[in-house]
Each structure stands twice: as C-alpha cells, then as structure tokens.
Amino acid sequence: MASSTIILPGQVIGPTNANNIGPGTHIHNSNLVASLAGPLTSHPSTTKTNKLPTPSITRPTGTLLPEVGATVLGRITRTNPRQANLSILALGPTGAHTCADPFPAVIRQQDIRATEIDKVKVSESFRVGDIVRAVVISLGDERSYYCSTARNEYGVVLARSEGGVGEQMVPVSWREFMDPATGARELRKVAKPV
C-alpha cells in the first residue's frame, strides 16, 4: 500500500525491529529513521513473526529544474550577516520531487521576512544544517538561484539543537524552536505548517 507522505532525512518514521528496514531508511535510537528525502511507501510484512510494515523511501527519477515561483526544500550550508546559502534538495511544497543533484541557492537578508526587513538577522533566522521551505524568486546568476522565506508558510521546517546532542527540535512560535530533551529554545524563522 502506497502513501503520499513526503519524508525528510532524519525524520522518525516509527518503531523498528531488524525485519522492517526498507530502502532509504536506517535505525537510530530504536526508531526507524529516513535516510533520504522522498515519498514514503509502506509494504505489509511478509513474515508471521514481524507485525510491523516495511517502509521504504525512493527518489523519483527525471531531471527537474527549479523555476521562478516554485516551492523548494533545501539545507542551509553556510551563513554570513548578509545571506544564507541553501542547497536545494527537493521541489514542491512537500518535497515531492527530489533533485538528483542539489542546486545552489541564496536567501538574502532582505528576502527572509516580509516586515521589519532592516531588523532581520540571518544568524537568528537560520543555522547550518536547517531544512528550509522557500520559494524561488529569481533564477539568479550563473552561481545560484535566489530564494525567499518572506511569507508565513516559508522558513525552517526541520532543525536540530546546537547545544547538547543535536536533538530534533519542535517549533513553539513563529520565531523559536525548542529542544524537547533540554527545554532550550533557539531563534529561527519558523515555517507555518502547510
């Protein structure tokens, strides 16, 4: 049975045992975790002793290019006071079409938020490793696409804590994520769930 759920790398899929590890997944802390970004497919167990389904994640094939107005998912690779560098990993609001090779992109300081643009700090909006939902606003130059997170549905969708062991954090407001293990909060430009 197939599902249309799109999974990102590092997302917990569910409980695991040695018999339900499918392609694109791995075990971490007794949980089945995604290794790839892509659609989640679940197949019923083929053994009587294993009651858990076997999920798998596969990358769609074909060459797709980001276009102006396209929603993308990407990982922040570098930041400085004027911009954040983004590696586009998937196209579509849920990342339905993964890219065979990542595309370089930039989110400029003025494209992070729609209001109070002069008060925006890149370091308070993104951290290296964050997974971000953004929209392509320009094909840019020969080096990078230009992306924006200036609307509520765009911003960080997956973040790991800087302090401690790098736990996956949960959003608690439009500008903060919280580490559930320690309760520590970190500033981000949080994406509104779609």
Protein backbone atom coordinates (compact mmCIF):
# COMPACT_ATOMS: atom_id res chain seq x y z
CA MET A 1 0.00 0.00 0.00
CA ALA A 2 1.45 3.36 -1.03
CA SER A 3 1.30 6.62 0.86
CA SER A 4 1.71 10.18 -0.38
CA THR A 5 3.58 11.28 2.75
CA ILE A 6 6.88 13.01 1.96
CA ILE A 7 9.68 12.28 4.43
CA LEU A 8 12.84 14.33 5.04
CA PRO A 9 16.24 12.91 6.06
CA GLY A 10 16.41 12.44 9.84
CA GLN A 11 12.65 12.22 10.34
CA VAL A 12 11.48 9.40 12.61
CA ILE A 13 9.17 7.05 10.71
CA GLY A 14 8.20 4.83 13.65
CA PRO A 15 9.24 1.85 15.77
CA THR A 16 11.55 -0.73 14.30
CA ASN A 17 12.91 -4.21 14.52
CA ALA A 18 15.56 -5.90 12.42
CA ASN A 19 12.98 -7.11 9.89
CA ASN A 20 11.32 -3.85 8.80
CA ILE A 21 14.25 -1.82 7.47
CA GLY A 22 13.48 -0.83 3.88
CA PRO A 23 15.45 1.09 1.24
CA GLY A 24 16.13 4.70 2.23
CA THR A 25 15.80 4.02 5.98
CA HIS A 26 18.07 3.24 8.92
CA ILE A 27 17.84 2.61 12.69
CA HIS A 28 18.68 5.35 15.22
CA ASN A 29 17.87 5.07 18.95
CA SER A 30 15.50 2.11 18.35
CA ASN A 31 13.48 4.10 15.80
CA LEU A 32 13.23 3.71 12.06
CA VAL A 33 14.58 6.96 10.54
CA ALA A 34 14.61 8.32 6.97
CA SER A 35 17.97 8.39 5.17
CA LEU A 36 16.57 10.10 2.03
CA ALA A 37 14.02 12.76 1.16
CA GLY A 38 11.11 11.38 -0.81
CA PRO A 39 7.72 9.72 -0.75
CA LEU A 40 7.17 7.11 1.97
CA THR A 41 5.89 3.74 0.77
CA SER A 42 4.82 1.07 3.23
CA HIS A 43 4.60 -2.65 2.40
CA PRO A 44 2.89 -5.22 4.66
CA SER A 45 5.13 -7.65 6.50
CA THR A 46 5.87 -10.92 4.69
CA THR A 47 6.71 -12.89 7.86
CA LYS A 48 4.42 -14.10 10.65
CA THR A 49 6.87 -13.01 13.37
CA ASN A 50 7.18 -9.43 12.10
CA LYS A 51 3.96 -7.47 12.60
CA LEU A 52 5.42 -4.10 11.56
CA PRO A 53 5.14 -2.95 7.92
CA THR A 54 8.33 -2.36 5.93
CA PRO A 55 8.54 1.31 4.90
CA SER A 56 10.80 2.42 2.08
CA ILE A 57 11.77 5.77 0.58
CA THR A 58 12.78 6.15 -3.04
CA ARG A 59 13.86 9.15 -5.05
CA PRO A 60 11.71 9.94 -8.09
CA THR A 61 13.67 9.84 -11.33
CA GLY A 62 13.91 12.50 -14.02
CA THR A 63 15.54 15.90 -14.30
CA LEU A 64 13.60 18.78 -12.82
CA LEU A 65 14.85 22.34 -12.56
CA PRO A 66 13.64 24.99 -10.11
CA GLU A 67 11.53 27.70 -11.77
CA VAL A 68 10.52 31.16 -10.55
CA GLY A 69 7.57 30.68 -8.19
CA ALA A 70 8.47 27.06 -7.39
CA THR A 71 8.45 25.97 -3.75
CA VAL A 72 11.66 24.17 -2.77
CA LEU A 73 13.12 22.33 0.22
CA GLY A 74 16.81 22.73 0.96
CA ARG A 75 19.54 22.57 3.58
CA ILE A 76 21.36 25.65 4.85
CA THR A 77 25.04 25.13 4.07
CA ARG A 78 26.58 28.45 5.14
CA THR A 79 25.53 31.78 6.65
CA ASN A 80 27.00 35.26 6.93
CA PRO A 81 25.46 38.56 8.07
CA ARG A 82 24.07 39.32 4.59
CA GLN A 83 22.78 35.95 3.34
CA ALA A 84 22.29 32.22 3.88
CA ASN A 85 23.48 29.69 1.31
CA LEU A 86 20.95 26.98 0.53
CA SER A 87 21.39 23.64 -1.21
CA ILE A 88 18.06 22.86 -2.94
CA LEU A 89 17.27 19.17 -2.34
CA ALA A 90 13.64 18.85 -3.49
CA LEU A 91 10.94 20.67 -5.43
CA GLY A 92 7.33 21.17 -4.36
CA PRO A 93 5.80 22.30 -1.03
CA THR A 94 6.24 18.84 0.48
CA GLY A 95 9.43 17.95 -1.41
CA ALA A 96 7.59 15.53 -3.71
CA HIS A 97 10.30 15.70 -6.39
CA THR A 98 13.80 15.15 -5.05
CA CYS A 99 16.74 16.51 -7.02
CA ALA A 100 19.35 14.07 -8.30
CA ASP A 101 21.98 16.73 -7.64
CA PRO A 102 21.44 19.69 -5.27
CA PHE A 103 21.07 23.16 -6.77
CA PRO A 104 22.89 26.11 -5.13
CA ALA A 105 20.70 28.98 -3.91
CA VAL A 106 20.92 32.08 -1.76
CA ILE A 107 18.45 33.62 0.68
CA ARG A 108 19.41 37.27 1.05
CA GLN A 109 18.80 39.15 4.31
CA GLN A 110 16.05 41.28 2.71
CA ASP A 111 14.25 38.12 1.49
CA ILE A 112 13.93 36.40 4.89
CA ARG A 113 10.85 38.24 6.22
CA ALA A 114 8.20 40.49 4.68
CA THR A 115 8.14 43.01 7.56
CA GLU A 116 10.84 44.84 9.53
CA ILE A 117 13.39 43.85 6.90
CA ASP A 118 16.01 46.20 8.34
CA LYS A 119 15.89 44.36 11.71
CA VAL A 120 16.35 40.85 10.30
CA LYS A 121 19.48 38.98 11.38
CA VAL A 122 20.50 35.96 9.32
CA SER A 123 22.01 34.27 12.40
CA GLU A 124 18.64 34.49 14.20
CA SER A 125 16.78 33.06 11.21
CA PHE A 126 18.86 30.10 10.02
CA ARG A 127 21.65 27.80 11.19
CA VAL A 128 23.84 25.49 9.13
CA GLY A 129 22.04 22.17 8.69
CA ASP A 130 18.48 23.54 8.95
CA ILE A 131 15.97 22.24 6.40
CA VAL A 132 14.11 25.19 4.88
CA ARG A 133 10.99 25.57 2.73
CA ALA A 134 11.40 28.56 0.38
CA VAL A 135 10.16 29.94 -2.92
CA VAL A 136 12.36 30.67 -5.94
CA ILE A 137 12.12 34.41 -6.67
CA SER A 138 14.80 34.64 -9.38
CA LEU A 139 16.96 32.37 -11.46
CA GLY A 140 19.79 34.48 -10.05
CA ASP A 141 23.19 34.47 -11.63
CA GLU A 142 25.39 31.69 -13.00
CA ARG A 143 26.20 30.56 -9.46
CA SER A 144 22.91 30.48 -7.52
CA TYR A 145 19.14 30.73 -7.57
CA TYR A 146 17.62 33.43 -5.34
CA CYS A 147 15.04 32.19 -2.84
CA SER A 148 12.76 33.86 -0.30
CA THR A 149 11.13 32.87 3.00
CA ALA A 150 9.19 36.14 3.32
CA ARG A 151 5.75 34.50 3.64
CA ASN A 152 4.45 32.65 6.71
CA GLU A 153 4.49 29.20 5.10
CA TYR A 154 8.20 29.54 4.29
CA GLY A 155 11.11 29.14 6.69
CA VAL A 156 12.75 26.40 8.76
CA VAL A 157 10.79 23.13 8.79
CA LEU A 158 13.38 20.90 10.47
CA ALA A 159 16.08 21.99 12.92
CA ARG A 160 18.49 20.29 15.30
CA SER A 161 19.65 21.82 18.56
CA GLU A 162 23.11 23.38 18.69
CA GLY A 163 23.67 22.65 22.37
CA GLY A 164 23.69 19.10 23.65
CA VAL A 165 23.42 16.13 21.32
CA GLY A 166 21.78 17.75 18.29
CA GLU A 167 18.25 16.55 19.00
CA GLN A 168 15.48 17.32 16.52
CA MET A 169 13.63 20.37 17.80
CA VAL A 170 9.95 21.29 17.68
CA PRO A 171 8.56 24.71 16.70
CA VAL A 172 6.99 26.64 19.61
CA SER A 173 6.34 30.00 17.93
CA TRP A 174 6.87 31.79 14.62
CA ARG A 175 10.46 32.56 15.65
CA GLU A 176 11.56 29.79 18.04
CA PHE A 177 12.29 26.07 18.10
CA MET A 178 12.65 24.13 21.36
CA ASP A 179 14.80 21.11 22.20
CA PRO A 180 12.29 18.72 23.84
CA ALA A 181 15.04 16.99 25.86
CA THR A 182 16.53 20.11 27.47
CA GLY A 183 13.82 22.74 27.01
CA ALA A 184 16.39 25.09 25.45
CA ARG A 185 14.99 27.47 22.83
CA GLU A 186 16.74 28.71 19.70
CA LEU A 187 15.75 31.50 17.32
CA ARG A 188 14.76 30.59 13.75
CA LYS A 189 12.44 31.89 11.02
CA VAL A 190 9.88 29.11 11.53
CA ALA A 191 7.70 27.95 8.62
CA LYS A 192 3.96 27.76 9.26
CA PRO A 193 2.82 24.13 8.70
CA VAL A 194 1.06 23.54 5.37
